[in-house]
């Protein structure tokens, strides 16, 4: 039973990331931006976020809720993460820093 509860916690974290971050970014339309610079930035960010989403969904890389949490927190402080977060801010899209507190609250609620 403990394994199932652990799987459920992991799935809850992934669902949160999908809804609040990944899908919101991936569904952004280039038509929402007038500047070609921002359209190109959106394209590059979407490619990166698609890889991130796949990485977090991969059970081989992040088999537990604790692994998901640890890597979200690591991404908040990584050089690449900070660069992407800055670009997301320019595009007025969700970013890890913007959802950090809500994510940590969910982790606390799930006892991760």
PDB file of N, CA and C in Angstrom:
ATOM      1  N   UNK A   1       0.816  -1.197   0.000  1.00  0.00           N
ATOM      2  CA  UNK A   1       0.000   0.000   0.000  1.00  0.00           C
ATOM      3  C   UNK A   1       0.866   1.271   0.000  1.00  0.00           C
ATOM      4  N   UNK A   2       2.000   1.244   0.663  1.00  0.00           N
ATOM      5  CA  UNK A   2       2.881   2.411   0.734  1.00  0.00           C
ATOM      6  C   UNK A   2       3.370   2.810  -0.655  1.00  0.00           C
ATOM      7  N   UNK A   3       3.621   1.823  -1.502  1.00  0.00           N
ATOM      8  CA  UNK A   3       4.082   2.124  -2.856  1.00  0.00           C
ATOM      9  C   UNK A   3       2.991   2.876  -3.615  1.00  0.00           C
ATOM     10  N   UNK A   4       1.759   2.436  -3.487  1.00  0.00           N
ATOM     11  CA  UNK A   4       0.661   3.103  -4.194  1.00  0.00           C
ATOM     12  C   UNK A   4       0.489   4.540  -3.699  1.00  0.00           C
ATOM     13  N   UNK A   5       0.597   4.738  -2.399  1.00  0.00           N
ATOM     14  CA  UNK A   5       0.485   6.098  -1.857  1.00  0.00           C
ATOM     15  C   UNK A   5       1.612   6.968  -2.398  1.00  0.00           C
ATOM     16  N   UNK A   6       2.823   6.398  -2.480  1.00  0.00           N
ATOM     17  CA  UNK A   6       3.965   7.128  -3.029  1.00  0.00           C
ATOM     18  C   UNK A   6       3.764   7.473  -4.489  1.00  0.00           C
ATOM     19  N   UNK A   7       3.214   6.528  -5.250  1.00  0.00           N
ATOM     20  CA  UNK A   7       2.933   6.780  -6.660  1.00  0.00           C
ATOM     21  C   UNK A   7       1.886   7.877  -6.803  1.00  0.00           C
ATOM     22  N   UNK A   8       0.888   7.850  -5.928  1.00  0.00           N
ATOM     23  CA  UNK A   8      -0.172   8.862  -5.977  1.00  0.00           C
ATOM     24  C   UNK A   8       0.395  10.251  -5.676  1.00  0.00           C
ATOM     25  N   UNK A   9       1.283  10.335  -4.705  1.00  0.00           N
ATOM     26  CA  UNK A   9       1.903  11.633  -4.388  1.00  0.00           C
ATOM     27  C   UNK A   9       2.712  12.147  -5.570  1.00  0.00           C
ATOM     28  N   UNK A  10       3.478  11.267  -6.195  1.00  0.00           N
ATOM     29  CA  UNK A  10       4.273  11.657  -7.361  1.00  0.00           C
ATOM     30  C   UNK A  10       3.350  12.155  -8.474  1.00  0.00           C
ATOM     31  N   UNK A  11       2.293  11.415  -8.731  1.00  0.00           N
ATOM     32  CA  UNK A  11       1.356  11.795  -9.781  1.00  0.00           C
ATOM     33  C   UNK A  11       0.684  13.140  -9.478  1.00  0.00           C
ATOM     34  N   UNK A  12       0.393  13.405  -8.214  1.00  0.00           N
ATOM     35  CA  UNK A  12      -0.202  14.700  -7.830  1.00  0.00           C
ATOM     36  C   UNK A  12       0.760  15.852  -8.127  1.00  0.00           C
ATOM     37  N   UNK A  13       2.039  15.646  -7.831  1.00  0.00           N
ATOM     38  CA  UNK A  13       3.039  16.684  -8.111  1.00  0.00           C
ATOM     39  C   UNK A  13       3.192  16.915  -9.617  1.00  0.00           C
ATOM     40  N   UNK A  14       3.222  15.835 -10.381  1.00  0.00           N
ATOM     41  CA  UNK A  14       3.353  15.938 -11.839  1.00  0.00           C
ATOM     42  C   UNK A  14       2.120  16.638 -12.414  1.00  0.00           C
ATOM     43  N   UNK A  15       0.941  16.274 -11.930  1.00  0.00           N
ATOM     44  CA  UNK A  15      -0.299  16.904 -12.395  1.00  0.00           C
ATOM     45  C   UNK A  15      -0.258  18.411 -12.107  1.00  0.00           C
ATOM     46  N   UNK A  16       0.198  18.777 -10.924  1.00  0.00           N
ATOM     47  CA  UNK A  16       0.323  20.186 -10.564  1.00  0.00           C
ATOM     48  C   UNK A  16       1.256  20.910 -11.539  1.00  0.00           C
ATOM     49  N   UNK A  17       2.434  20.326 -11.784  1.00  0.00           N
ATOM     50  CA  UNK A  17       3.400  20.945 -12.693  1.00  0.00           C
ATOM     51  C   UNK A  17       2.837  21.071 -14.104  1.00  0.00           C
ATOM     52  N   UNK A  18       2.124  20.042 -14.544  1.00  0.00           N
ATOM     53  CA  UNK A  18       1.502  20.091 -15.877  1.00  0.00           C
ATOM     54  C   UNK A  18       0.512  21.243 -15.961  1.00  0.00           C
ATOM     55  N   UNK A  19      -0.401  21.309 -14.993  1.00  0.00           N
ATOM     56  CA  UNK A  19      -1.475  22.294 -15.041  1.00  0.00           C
ATOM     57  C   UNK A  19      -0.989  23.728 -14.828  1.00  0.00           C
ATOM     58  N   UNK A  20      -0.113  23.917 -13.862  1.00  0.00           N
ATOM     59  CA  UNK A  20       0.293  25.277 -13.481  1.00  0.00           C
ATOM     60  C   UNK A  20       1.468  25.817 -14.281  1.00  0.00           C
ATOM     61  N   UNK A  21       2.234  24.923 -14.890  1.00  0.00           N
ATOM     62  CA  UNK A  21       3.467  25.364 -15.532  1.00  0.00           C
ATOM     63  C   UNK A  21       3.576  24.859 -16.973  1.00  0.00           C
ATOM     64  N   UNK A  22       3.844  23.574 -17.129  1.00  0.00           N
ATOM     65  CA  UNK A  22       4.171  23.029 -18.447  1.00  0.00           C
ATOM     66  C   UNK A  22       3.098  23.307 -19.499  1.00  0.00           C
ATOM     67  N   UNK A  23       1.854  22.889 -19.218  1.00  0.00           N
ATOM     68  CA  UNK A  23       0.810  23.024 -20.231  1.00  0.00           C
ATOM     69  C   UNK A  23       0.472  24.483 -20.510  1.00  0.00           C
ATOM     70  N   UNK A  24       0.495  25.310 -19.476  1.00  0.00           N
ATOM     71  CA  UNK A  24       0.219  26.737 -19.676  1.00  0.00           C
ATOM     72  C   UNK A  24       1.230  27.361 -20.636  1.00  0.00           C
ATOM     73  N   UNK A  25       2.465  26.931 -20.533  1.00  0.00           N
ATOM     74  CA  UNK A  25       3.517  27.450 -21.423  1.00  0.00           C
ATOM     75  C   UNK A  25       3.385  26.844 -22.816  1.00  0.00           C
ATOM     76  N   UNK A  26       3.179  25.532 -22.864  1.00  0.00           N
ATOM     77  CA  UNK A  26       3.114  24.847 -24.157  1.00  0.00           C
ATOM     78  C   UNK A  26       1.897  25.260 -24.983  1.00  0.00           C
ATOM     79  N   UNK A  27       0.852  25.726 -24.317  1.00  0.00           N
ATOM     80  CA  UNK A  27      -0.350  26.162 -25.027  1.00  0.00           C
ATOM     81  C   UNK A  27      -0.300  27.637 -25.451  1.00  0.00           C
ATOM     82  N   UNK A  28       0.736  28.343 -25.036  1.00  0.00           N
ATOM     83  CA  UNK A  28       0.876  29.746 -25.414  1.00  0.00           C
ATOM     84  C   UNK A  28       1.006  29.855 -26.933  1.00  0.00           C
ATOM     85  N   UNK A  29       0.352  30.856 -27.480  1.00  0.00           N
ATOM     86  CA  UNK A  29       0.319  31.030 -28.931  1.00  0.00           C
ATOM     87  C   UNK A  29       1.260  32.158 -29.376  1.00  0.00           C
ATOM     88  N   UNK A  30       2.019  31.905 -30.434  1.00  0.00           N
ATOM     89  CA  UNK A  30       2.857  32.975 -30.968  1.00  0.00           C
ATOM     90  C   UNK A  30       2.026  34.192 -31.376  1.00  0.00           C
ATOM     91  N   UNK A  31       0.766  33.960 -31.722  1.00  0.00           N
ATOM     92  CA  UNK A  31      -0.121  35.048 -32.109  1.00  0.00           C
ATOM     93  C   UNK A  31      -0.401  36.037 -30.988  1.00  0.00           C
ATOM     94  N   UNK A  32      -0.088  35.629 -29.753  1.00  0.00           N
ATOM     95  CA  UNK A  32      -0.282  36.516 -28.602  1.00  0.00           C
ATOM     96  C   UNK A  32       0.813  37.574 -28.493  1.00  0.00           C
ATOM     97  N   UNK A  33       1.833  37.457 -29.342  1.00  0.00           N
ATOM     98  CA  UNK A  33       2.982  38.352 -29.266  1.00  0.00           C
ATOM     99  C   UNK A  33       3.146  39.102 -30.583  1.00  0.00           C
ATOM    100  N   UNK A  34       3.358  40.400 -30.476  1.00  0.00           N
ATOM    101  CA  UNK A  34       3.517  41.240 -31.672  1.00  0.00           C
ATOM    102  C   UNK A  34       4.949  41.203 -32.186  1.00  0.00           C
ATOM    103  N   UNK A  35       5.890  41.161 -31.280  1.00  0.00           N
ATOM    104  CA  UNK A  35       7.307  41.227 -31.624  1.00  0.00           C
ATOM    105  C   UNK A  35       7.820  39.869 -32.128  1.00  0.00           C
ATOM    106  N   UNK A  36       8.591  39.936 -33.193  1.00  0.00           N
ATOM    107  CA  UNK A  36       9.221  38.711 -33.713  1.00  0.00           C
ATOM    108  C   UNK A  36      10.225  38.153 -32.709  1.00  0.00           C
ATOM    109  N   UNK A  37      10.874  39.030 -31.969  1.00  0.00           N
ATOM    110  CA  UNK A  37      11.831  38.607 -30.945  1.00  0.00           C
ATOM    111  C   UNK A  37      11.128  37.750 -29.900  1.00  0.00           C
ATOM    112  N   UNK A  38       9.955  38.208 -29.441  1.00  0.00           N
ATOM    113  CA  UNK A  38       9.216  37.439 -28.433  1.00  0.00           C
ATOM    114  C   UNK A  38       8.662  36.138 -29.014  1.00  0.00           C
ATOM    115  N   UNK A  39       8.253  36.154 -30.265  1.00  0.00           N
ATOM    116  CA  UNK A  39       7.773  34.923 -30.914  1.00  0.00           C
ATOM    117  C   UNK A  39       8.890  33.882 -30.980  1.00  0.00           C
ATOM    118  N   UNK A  40      10.092  34.324 -31.321  1.00  0.00           N
ATOM    119  CA  UNK A  40      11.244  33.407 -31.377  1.00  0.00           C
ATOM    120  C   UNK A  40      11.600  32.909 -29.977  1.00  0.00           C
ATOM    121  N   UNK A  41      11.517  33.812 -29.012  1.00  0.00           N
ATOM    122  CA  UNK A  41      11.797  33.440 -27.628  1.00  0.00           C
ATOM    123  C   UNK A  41      10.791  32.396 -27.157  1.00  0.00           C
ATOM    124  N   UNK A  42       9.517  32.601 -27.491  1.00  0.00           N
ATOM    125  CA  UNK A  42       8.477  31.639 -27.127  1.00  0.00           C
ATOM    126  C   UNK A  42       8.777  30.272 -27.727  1.00  0.00           C
ATOM    127  N   UNK A  43       9.164  30.257 -28.993  1.00  0.00           N
ATOM    128  CA  UNK A  43       9.481  28.988 -29.657  1.00  0.00           C
ATOM    129  C   UNK A  43      10.611  28.256 -28.930  1.00  0.00           C
ATOM    130  N   UNK A  44      11.665  28.979 -28.591  1.00  0.00           N
ATOM    131  CA  UNK A  44      12.810  28.368 -27.900  1.00  0.00           C
ATOM    132  C   UNK A  44      12.421  27.882 -26.505  1.00  0.00           C
ATOM    133  N   UNK A  45      11.648  28.690 -25.789  1.00  0.00           N
ATOM    134  CA  UNK A  45      11.212  28.313 -24.440  1.00  0.00           C
ATOM    135  C   UNK A  45      10.321  27.075 -24.497  1.00  0.00           C
ATOM    136  N   UNK A  46       9.427  27.029 -25.466  1.00  0.00           N
ATOM    137  CA  UNK A  46       8.524  25.876 -25.589  1.00  0.00           C
ATOM    138  C   UNK A  46       9.312  24.585 -25.843  1.00  0.00           C
ATOM    139  N   UNK A  47      10.351  24.665 -26.658  1.00  0.00           N
ATOM    140  CA  UNK A  47      11.189  23.481 -26.905  1.00  0.00           C
ATOM    141  C   UNK A  47      11.824  23.001 -25.596  1.00  0.00           C
ATOM    142  N   UNK A  48      12.327  23.941 -24.812  1.00  0.00           N
ATOM    143  CA  UNK A  48      12.949  23.601 -23.530  1.00  0.00           C
ATOM    144  C   UNK A  48      11.920  23.009 -22.566  1.00  0.00           C
ATOM    145  N   UNK A  49      10.746  23.619 -22.483  1.00  0.00           N
ATOM    146  CA  UNK A  49       9.716  23.173 -21.548  1.00  0.00           C
ATOM    147  C   UNK A  49       9.180  21.805 -21.947  1.00  0.00           C
ATOM    148  N   UNK A  50       9.094  21.541 -23.221  1.00  0.00           N
ATOM    149  CA  UNK A  50       8.648  20.219 -23.684  1.00  0.00           C
ATOM    150  C   UNK A  50       9.611  19.136 -23.189  1.00  0.00           C
ATOM    151  N   UNK A  51      10.896  19.408 -23.268  1.00  0.00           N
ATOM    152  CA  UNK A  51      11.910  18.466 -22.768  1.00  0.00           C
ATOM    153  C   UNK A  51      11.790  18.309 -21.251  1.00  0.00           C
ATOM    154  N   UNK A  52      11.575  19.434 -20.554  1.00  0.00           N
ATOM    155  CA  UNK A  52      11.421  19.397 -19.096  1.00  0.00           C
ATOM    156  C   UNK A  52      10.209  18.563 -18.697  1.00  0.00           C
ATOM    157  N   UNK A  53       9.113  18.765 -19.381  1.00  0.00           N
ATOM    158  CA  UNK A  53       7.892  18.017 -19.075  1.00  0.00           C
ATOM    159  C   UNK A  53       8.152  16.520 -19.247  1.00  0.00           C
ATOM    160  N   UNK A  54       8.769  16.171 -20.350  1.00  0.00           N
ATOM    161  CA  UNK A  54       9.088  14.766 -20.608  1.00  0.00           C
ATOM    162  C   UNK A  54      10.009  14.213 -19.510  1.00  0.00           C
ATOM    163  N   UNK A  55      10.985  15.001 -19.117  1.00  0.00           N
ATOM    164  CA  UNK A  55      11.938  14.581 -18.082  1.00  0.00           C
ATOM    165  C   UNK A  55      11.216  14.301 -16.763  1.00  0.00           C
ATOM    166  N   UNK A  56      10.321  15.179 -16.362  1.00  0.00           N
ATOM    167  CA  UNK A  56       9.617  14.989 -15.097  1.00  0.00           C
ATOM    168  C   UNK A  56       8.625  13.828 -15.157  1.00  0.00           C
ATOM    169  N   UNK A  57       8.081  13.539 -16.320  1.00  0.00           N
ATOM    170  CA  UNK A  57       7.147  12.422 -16.459  1.00  0.00           C
ATOM    171  C   UNK A  57       7.872  11.077 -16.487  1.00  0.00           C
ATOM    172  N   UNK A  58       9.157  11.085 -16.761  1.00  0.00           N
ATOM    173  CA  UNK A  58       9.943   9.851 -16.895  1.00  0.00           C
ATOM    174  C   UNK A  58      10.179   9.201 -15.529  1.00  0.00           C
ATOM    175  N   UNK A  59       9.560   8.040 -15.328  1.00  0.00           N
ATOM    176  CA  UNK A  59       9.712   7.310 -14.060  1.00  0.00           C
ATOM    177  C   UNK A  59      11.149   6.872 -13.810  1.00  0.00           C
ATOM    178  N   UNK A  60      11.908   6.682 -14.866  1.00  0.00           N
ATOM    179  CA  UNK A  60      13.302   6.274 -14.717  1.00  0.00           C
ATOM    180  C   UNK A  60      14.126   7.393 -14.068  1.00  0.00           C
ATOM    181  N   UNK A  61      13.854   8.631 -14.464  1.00  0.00           N
ATOM    182  CA  UNK A  61      14.631   9.751 -13.948  1.00  0.00           C
ATOM    183  C   UNK A  61      14.144  10.202 -12.575  1.00  0.00           C
ATOM    184  N   UNK A  62      12.823  10.260 -12.419  1.00  0.00           N
ATOM    185  CA  UNK A  62      12.237  10.749 -11.165  1.00  0.00           C
ATOM    186  C   UNK A  62      11.166   9.780 -10.691  1.00  0.00           C
ATOM    187  N   UNK A  63      11.589   8.682 -10.060  1.00  0.00           N
ATOM    188  CA  UNK A  63      10.630   7.637  -9.681  1.00  0.00           C
ATOM    189  C   UNK A  63       9.749   7.955  -8.474  1.00  0.00           C
ATOM    190  N   UNK A  64      10.130   8.946  -7.670  1.00  0.00           N
ATOM    191  CA  UNK A  64       9.358   9.221  -6.453  1.00  0.00           C
ATOM    192  C   UNK A  64       8.957  10.698  -6.389  1.00  0.00           C
ATOM    193  N   UNK A  65       7.992  10.977  -5.528  1.00  0.00           N
ATOM    194  CA  UNK A  65       7.582  12.361  -5.294  1.00  0.00           C
ATOM    195  C   UNK A  65       8.754  13.168  -4.743  1.00  0.00           C
ATOM    196  N   UNK A  66       9.555  12.558  -3.899  1.00  0.00           N
ATOM    197  CA  UNK A  66      10.724  13.247  -3.338  1.00  0.00           C
ATOM    198  C   UNK A  66      11.705  13.630  -4.443  1.00  0.00           C
ATOM    199  N   UNK A  67      11.873  12.758  -5.444  1.00  0.00           N
ATOM    200  CA  UNK A  67      12.748  13.073  -6.582  1.00  0.00           C
ATOM    201  C   UNK A  67      12.210  14.253  -7.378  1.00  0.00           C
ATOM    202  N   UNK A  68      10.899  14.280  -7.580  1.00  0.00           N
ATOM    203  CA  UNK A  68      10.279  15.384  -8.305  1.00  0.00           C
ATOM    204  C   UNK A  68      10.512  16.688  -7.541  1.00  0.00           C
ATOM    205  N   UNK A  69      10.234  16.668  -6.242  1.00  0.00           N
ATOM    206  CA  UNK A  69      10.407  17.871  -5.418  1.00  0.00           C
ATOM    207  C   UNK A  69      11.859  18.349  -5.457  1.00  0.00           C
ATOM    208  N   UNK A  70      12.787  17.428  -5.237  1.00  0.00           N
ATOM    209  CA  UNK A  70      14.208  17.771  -5.208  1.00  0.00           C
ATOM    210  C   UNK A  70      14.641  18.437  -6.517  1.00  0.00           C
ATOM    211  N   UNK A  71      14.159  17.921  -7.629  1.00  0.00           N
ATOM    212  CA  UNK A  71      14.588  18.460  -8.921  1.00  0.00           C
ATOM    213  C   UNK A  71      13.888  19.762  -9.276  1.00  0.00           C
ATOM    214  N   UNK A  72      12.668  19.958  -8.820  1.00  0.00           N
ATOM    215  CA  UNK A  72      12.016  21.258  -9.005  1.00  0.00           C
ATOM    216  C   UNK A  72      12.812  22.318  -8.249  1.00  0.00           C
ATOM    217  N   UNK A  73      13.172  21.998  -7.011  1.00  0.00           N
ATOM    218  CA  UNK A  73      13.935  22.958  -6.210  1.00  0.00           C
ATOM    219  C   UNK A  73      15.316  23.213  -6.802  1.00  0.00           C
ATOM    220  N   UNK A  74      15.941  22.175  -7.348  1.00  0.00           N
ATOM    221  CA  UNK A  74      17.248  22.343  -7.996  1.00  0.00           C
ATOM    222  C   UNK A  74      17.117  23.230  -9.235  1.00  0.00           C
ATOM    223  N   UNK A  75      16.041  23.049  -9.997  1.00  0.00           N
ATOM    224  CA  UNK A  75      15.823  23.853 -11.197  1.00  0.00           C
ATOM    225  C   UNK A  75      15.621  25.322 -10.860  1.00  0.00           C
ATOM    226  N   UNK A  76      15.058  25.588  -9.692  1.00  0.00           N
ATOM    227  CA  UNK A  76      14.862  26.980  -9.261  1.00  0.00           C
ATOM    228  C   UNK A  76      16.187  27.718  -9.125  1.00  0.00           C
ATOM    229  N   UNK A  77      17.226  26.991  -8.791  1.00  0.00           N
ATOM    230  CA  UNK A  77      18.519  27.612  -8.513  1.00  0.00           C
ATOM    231  C   UNK A  77      19.564  27.394  -9.601  1.00  0.00           C
ATOM    232  N   UNK A  78      19.209  26.614 -10.627  1.00  0.00           N
ATOM    233  CA  UNK A  78      20.188  26.350 -11.682  1.00  0.00           C
ATOM    234  C   UNK A  78      20.320  27.554 -12.606  1.00  0.00           C
ATOM    235  N   UNK A  79      21.468  27.675 -13.227  1.00  0.00           N
ATOM    236  CA  UNK A  79      21.725  28.782 -14.149  1.00  0.00           C
ATOM    237  C   UNK A  79      20.737  28.731 -15.317  1.00  0.00           C
ATOM    238  N   UNK A  80      20.533  27.559 -15.878  1.00  0.00           N
ATOM    239  CA  UNK A  80      19.595  27.403 -16.991  1.00  0.00           C
ATOM    240  C   UNK A  80      18.177  27.729 -16.536  1.00  0.00           C
ATOM    241  N   UNK A  81      17.812  27.252 -15.353  1.00  0.00           N
ATOM    242  CA  UNK A  81      16.478  27.521 -14.816  1.00  0.00           C
ATOM    243  C   UNK A  81      16.227  29.006 -14.649  1.00  0.00           C
ATOM    244  N   UNK A  82      17.207  29.713 -14.133  1.00  0.00           N
ATOM    245  CA  UNK A  82      17.052  31.162 -13.942  1.00  0.00           C
ATOM    246  C   UNK A  82      16.906  31.885 -15.284  1.00  0.00           C
ATOM    247  N   UNK A  83      17.659  31.425 -16.291  1.00  0.00           N
ATOM    248  CA  UNK A  83      17.573  32.027 -17.630  1.00  0.00           C
ATOM    249  C   UNK A  83      16.178  31.802 -18.212  1.00  0.00           C
ATOM    250  N   UNK A  84      15.684  30.584 -18.130  1.00  0.00           N
ATOM    251  CA  UNK A  84      14.354  30.261 -18.660  1.00  0.00           C
ATOM    252  C   UNK A  84      13.282  31.044 -17.894  1.00  0.00           C
ATOM    253  N   UNK A  85      13.423  31.128 -16.570  1.00  0.00           N
ATOM    254  CA  UNK A  85      12.450  31.877 -15.765  1.00  0.00           C
ATOM    255  C   UNK A  85      12.406  33.347 -16.184  1.00  0.00           C
ATOM    256  N   UNK A  86      13.566  33.914 -16.478  1.00  0.00           N
ATOM    257  CA  UNK A  86      13.630  35.305 -16.935  1.00  0.00           C
ATOM    258  C   UNK A  86      12.887  35.457 -18.271  1.00  0.00           C
ATOM    259  N   UNK A  87      13.109  34.513 -19.172  1.00  0.00           N
ATOM    260  CA  UNK A  87      12.441  34.565 -20.473  1.00  0.00           C
ATOM    261  C   UNK A  87      10.928  34.382 -20.312  1.00  0.00           C
ATOM    262  N   UNK A  88      10.521  33.498 -19.414  1.00  0.00           N
ATOM    263  CA  UNK A  88       9.091  33.301 -19.160  1.00  0.00           C
ATOM    264  C   UNK A  88       8.460  34.578 -18.597  1.00  0.00           C
ATOM    265  N   UNK A  89       9.192  35.268 -17.746  1.00  0.00           N
ATOM    266  CA  UNK A  89       8.707  36.544 -17.219  1.00  0.00           C
ATOM    267  C   UNK A  89       8.510  37.555 -18.358  1.00  0.00           C
ATOM    268  N   UNK A  90       9.472  37.606 -19.267  1.00  0.00           N
ATOM    269  CA  UNK A  90       9.355  38.518 -20.411  1.00  0.00           C
ATOM    270  C   UNK A  90       8.134  38.180 -21.263  1.00  0.00           C
ATOM    271  N   UNK A  91       7.821  36.892 -21.337  1.00  0.00           N
ATOM    272  CA  UNK A  91       6.684  36.431 -22.125  1.00  0.00           C
ATOM    273  C   UNK A  91       5.376  36.459 -21.319  1.00  0.00           C
ATOM    274  N   UNK A  92       5.485  36.858 -20.058  1.00  0.00           N
ATOM    275  CA  UNK A  92       4.345  36.905 -19.141  1.00  0.00           C
ATOM    276  C   UNK A  92       3.661  35.545 -19.010  1.00  0.00           C
ATOM    277  N   UNK A  93       4.494  34.510 -18.852  1.00  0.00           N
ATOM    278  CA  UNK A  93       4.024  33.138 -18.671  1.00  0.00           C
ATOM    279  C   UNK A  93       4.417  32.636 -17.285  1.00  0.00           C
ATOM    280  N   UNK A  94       3.766  31.583 -16.812  1.00  0.00           N
ATOM    281  CA  UNK A  94       4.125  31.030 -15.498  1.00  0.00           C
ATOM    282  C   UNK A  94       5.583  30.561 -15.485  1.00  0.00           C
ATOM    283  N   UNK A  95       6.181  30.619 -14.303  1.00  0.00           N
ATOM    284  CA  UNK A  95       7.547  30.137 -14.126  1.00  0.00           C
ATOM    285  C   UNK A  95       7.646  29.469 -12.758  1.00  0.00           C
ATOM    286  N   UNK A  96       8.713  28.713 -12.554  1.00  0.00           N
ATOM    287  CA  UNK A  96       8.890  28.032 -11.267  1.00  0.00           C
ATOM    288  C   UNK A  96       8.850  28.987 -10.079  1.00  0.00           C
ATOM    289  N   UNK A  97       9.534  30.123 -10.132  1.00  0.00           N
ATOM    290  CA  UNK A  97       9.464  31.018  -8.972  1.00  0.00           C
ATOM    291  C   UNK A  97       8.034  31.480  -8.660  1.00  0.00           C
ATOM    292  N   UNK A  98       7.232  31.634  -9.700  1.00  0.00           N
ATOM    293  CA  UNK A  98       5.856  32.098  -9.508  1.00  0.00           C
ATOM    294  C   UNK A  98       4.967  31.046  -8.842  1.00  0.00           C
ATOM    295  N   UNK A  99       5.290  29.762  -9.058  1.00  0.00           N
ATOM    296  CA  UNK A  99       4.455  28.695  -8.487  1.00  0.00           C
ATOM    297  C   UNK A  99       5.135  27.998  -7.308  1.00  0.00           C
ATOM    298  N   UNK A 100       6.312  28.462  -6.950  1.00  0.00           N
ATOM    299  CA  UNK A 100       7.122  27.817  -5.905  1.00  0.00           C
ATOM    300  C   UNK A 100       6.351  27.608  -4.609  1.00  0.00           C
ATOM    301  N   UNK A 101       5.761  28.662  -4.067  1.00  0.00           N
ATOM    302  CA  UNK A 101       5.077  28.555  -2.776  1.00  0.00           C
ATOM    303  C   UNK A 101       3.906  27.578  -2.836  1.00  0.00           C
ATOM    304  N   UNK A 102       3.154  27.649  -3.920  1.00  0.00           N
ATOM    305  CA  UNK A 102       2.018  26.733  -4.082  1.00  0.00           C
ATOM    306  C   UNK A 102       2.506  25.290  -4.206  1.00  0.00           C
ATOM    307  N   UNK A 103       3.612  25.090  -4.926  1.00  0.00           N
ATOM    308  CA  UNK A 103       4.203  23.758  -5.067  1.00  0.00           C
ATOM    309  C   UNK A 103       4.664  23.221  -3.712  1.00  0.00           C
ATOM    310  N   UNK A 104       5.356  24.065  -2.949  1.00  0.00           N
ATOM    311  CA  UNK A 104       5.849  23.638  -1.630  1.00  0.00           C
ATOM    312  C   UNK A 104       4.691  23.343  -0.673  1.00  0.00           C
ATOM    313  N   UNK A 105       3.612  24.097  -0.786  1.00  0.00           N
ATOM    314  CA  UNK A 105       2.429  23.841   0.036  1.00  0.00           C
ATOM    315  C   UNK A 105       1.847  22.485  -0.324  1.00  0.00           C
ATOM    316  N   UNK A 106       1.764  22.172  -1.608  1.00  0.00           N
ATOM    317  CA  UNK A 106       1.276  20.866  -2.046  1.00  0.00           C
ATOM    318  C   UNK A 106       2.182  19.761  -1.518  1.00  0.00           C
ATOM    319  N   UNK A 107       3.497  19.957  -1.595  1.00  0.00           N
ATOM    320  CA  UNK A 107       4.446  18.971  -1.058  1.00  0.00           C
ATOM    321  C   UNK A 107       4.198  18.751   0.422  1.00  0.00           C
ATOM    322  N   UNK A 108       3.985  19.825   1.147  1.00  0.00           N
ATOM    323  CA  UNK A 108       3.711  19.737   2.580  1.00  0.00           C
ATOM    324  C   UNK A 108       2.405  18.962   2.819  1.00  0.00           C
ATOM    325  N   UNK A 109       1.365  19.307   2.080  1.00  0.00           N
ATOM    326  CA  UNK A 109       0.070  18.628   2.220  1.00  0.00           C
ATOM    327  C   UNK A 109       0.182  17.131   1.914  1.00  0.00           C
ATOM    328  N   UNK A 110       1.027  16.788   0.942  1.00  0.00           N
ATOM    329  CA  UNK A 110       1.205  15.389   0.555  1.00  0.00           C
ATOM    330  C   UNK A 110       2.263  14.684   1.401  1.00  0.00           C
ATOM    331  N   UNK A 111       2.892  15.428   2.289  1.00  0.00           N
ATOM    332  CA  UNK A 111       3.964  14.905   3.154  1.00  0.00           C
ATOM    333  C   UNK A 111       5.140  14.377   2.347  1.00  0.00           C
ATOM    334  N   UNK A 112       5.565  15.202   1.403  1.00  0.00           N
ATOM    335  CA  UNK A 112       6.723  14.869   0.575  1.00  0.00           C
ATOM    336  C   UNK A 112       7.916  15.636   1.093  1.00  0.00           C
TER     337      UNK A 112
END
